[in-house]
Structures are given as structure tokens and as C-alpha cells.
Amino acid sequence: MRWFGWPGLVAAVLAGPVAAQTGKPVLADPEGAVVEELVVTARVVGPAWWRVSDDDTTVYILALPDTFLPRDLKWDPSGLNRRLKGSNVLIGGGRSFTLGIRNIPLLLSLRRSLRMKGTMEDDLPPDLRARFVTLREGLGKDAKHYAGWGPMVAGFTLVGDAREGPRGRNAEDQVRSAARKLRIKEKKLESRNAAPLIKAFRSGLTMDIQTACLDAAMSDVEAGPGVARAAAEGWARGDVGAALKAPRGFEKCLLVISGGAEAWRETVDAQAAEIAEALKAPGKAVAMVRLRPLIAKGGVIETLEGMGLEVEGPAER
């Protein structure tokens, strides 16, 4: 995936297949509605945890933040270390994708569709161009910094420049590191073939959609770094409501244009199934699930409850 030079975008793009769109894009998403009863504050210091138990097994579910954390943000890992110690397995939070050598032309074709000649901002509608120029100049970037790419990549780059983007701290990687130190193996979700997703994404990648995503990215940046930081700090102290306030227009756009509902449902079901499977081994296990897929309507918690399992939340103990 490093053919692109920006693997974070590829990871988001590969959230699922693209649904064809006509007219002005509507940026609704499957994670937009959350179960209000699950928007709670943890009673114990640190990020929020949920748990699923039977007679001889407990699976602890860590709600991961939906975005990268500021590099200087510290969070209390004691709850994580306590739950990891002696666990049977760490259940991974995401799905990996495979792409064979014969699909390299497809990957290059997608890359070409995301590029454009000259300086991207020259072709933007006047109002969007004015906003974009103001934002990039405020970040100390010139037009050449975004040249050669279309609005989609420009939006991703702009968000990264403003927020630390993929250079920030990934909480999921921190959890994995803690598990490795304790010699706990991770069980990841089954990988998927990326080729159909790339084909679908490319077929729906219109300039209107790219421009809509750039608009969403600019709105996120215009919200200011304080909003994203406050959400990250809310996550670190177990305040689910605060954590949900992170700007996510661009992330939502990527999820939507990649036909997020279908693949999102598939991933949620797979995560719930792995958690239920872990209950078959006596002892305990730890799972990590991003916050919104965890507490969204139809998300992992509601799916587990639909399987007849009782889920206990962070405000209950």
C-alpha cells in the first residue's frame, strides 16, 4: 500500500465498497447515530471499558479513540495492563487487506485517478479556494505542497498538517505494544481481498465527491486544534460524550464514499463474533474496538446483545 505514499488514506478508503452516487453527495454515515444510553462516563480513571462475561470467562472491551492522539497526551494505562495480564488473547480492532502482484495495475490506476495536473486549488470554486488558501497559509504551507493531487488527497494532507495526522500517536498500536510485553498473542480479523474494494472506490470517485470531501476536511481544520484535543482528553479520562465530539467530517466522507454501510456491518459482525468466540476459553481476554463502531446503533455492543449476551458498561462498576 505504500505505492501511494499516504497509507493512512488508503486504510480509510478500504473501509468498504463504494456505492454509486448521483447529484450532490450526501455525507451521512453508518456511525452517525449512537446509542444514547452508552454515552457514559467511566467510574474509574482512564479510558472507558465494557465487559462481556459468562460462567468462566470475561472479555474486556476497550473503546479506542476514533482518531489519532496528540503526541503529548498521556493516558493512564493501568487499567489496560491489569486486564491484559493473564489474558488468553488480544482481539484486534481492525481488518487487514491483501493485494496480489497482479493487481498492481489496478492500484496504480486508482493512484492516477487521485492525481491532477498543476495546482489543485486553481480549479476549485472561488469560495472553496479562498478557504483552502487561508487554511494552508495559516499552516505555513505553499500551493506546491498540495500540487499534483486532487481535492481528496489535498483534504487528507490538510487534516494531517493541522492535526499531526498519521504522525500522531495511535492508541491501537500502544495497546498492541503492551500486549507484546506480556507475551499475549493478538487475534486479528480475517483479512479481505482489497481488489474489489479498490475497483468499487475508483468507479465512484467523481470530482464532486472529491470536492465535497475537501470541504469536509476544511471544516474539520476550521474547528481548530482545541476541539480535537478536548475530544482526545475526554477519551483518556473515560468521558464518552466528550470523546464523540472530535471533528470527523473527512473521516465520515471517506467512510461514506467507500460504501461504508455494507463493509461497516461486516466488520462489526466480525468483531462481535470474535468476542463471543473468546468466551469459549476459560479465563479472560481483551478486545479493542473503535468507539463509534462500538456504541453506534447496530454497533458491536448492540450486536452482542442481539446474540443474547449481557454487556456491562464503564458506568456500572
Foldseek 3Di string as FASTA:
>chain_A
DCVQVDVVLVVLLLLAFFDADDDFDDLDFQLPFFDVVQQAFFPDFFFKWKWFADDFEIEIEGAFFPFFAAAPDDFDCPVLLVQLAPAQAEEAADAAEDEDPVCVVLVVVLSVLFWDAFQQLVPDPPVLSVLLVVQCVVLVHDSVVRHGGYLQVVLQVSLCSQAVGPPGHGVSVVSVVSNVVNPHYYDYFYHYYRRNLSVRLSVRDDSSLSVQLSVLSSVLVVVDNVLQNQLSVCSSGRRSVSVVRRRCSNSSSSCNRSVNPVSLLVSQLRQLVVSVVSNVDGDYYYYYYHNSLCRGVSHNQVVNVVVVIDMGISHRD
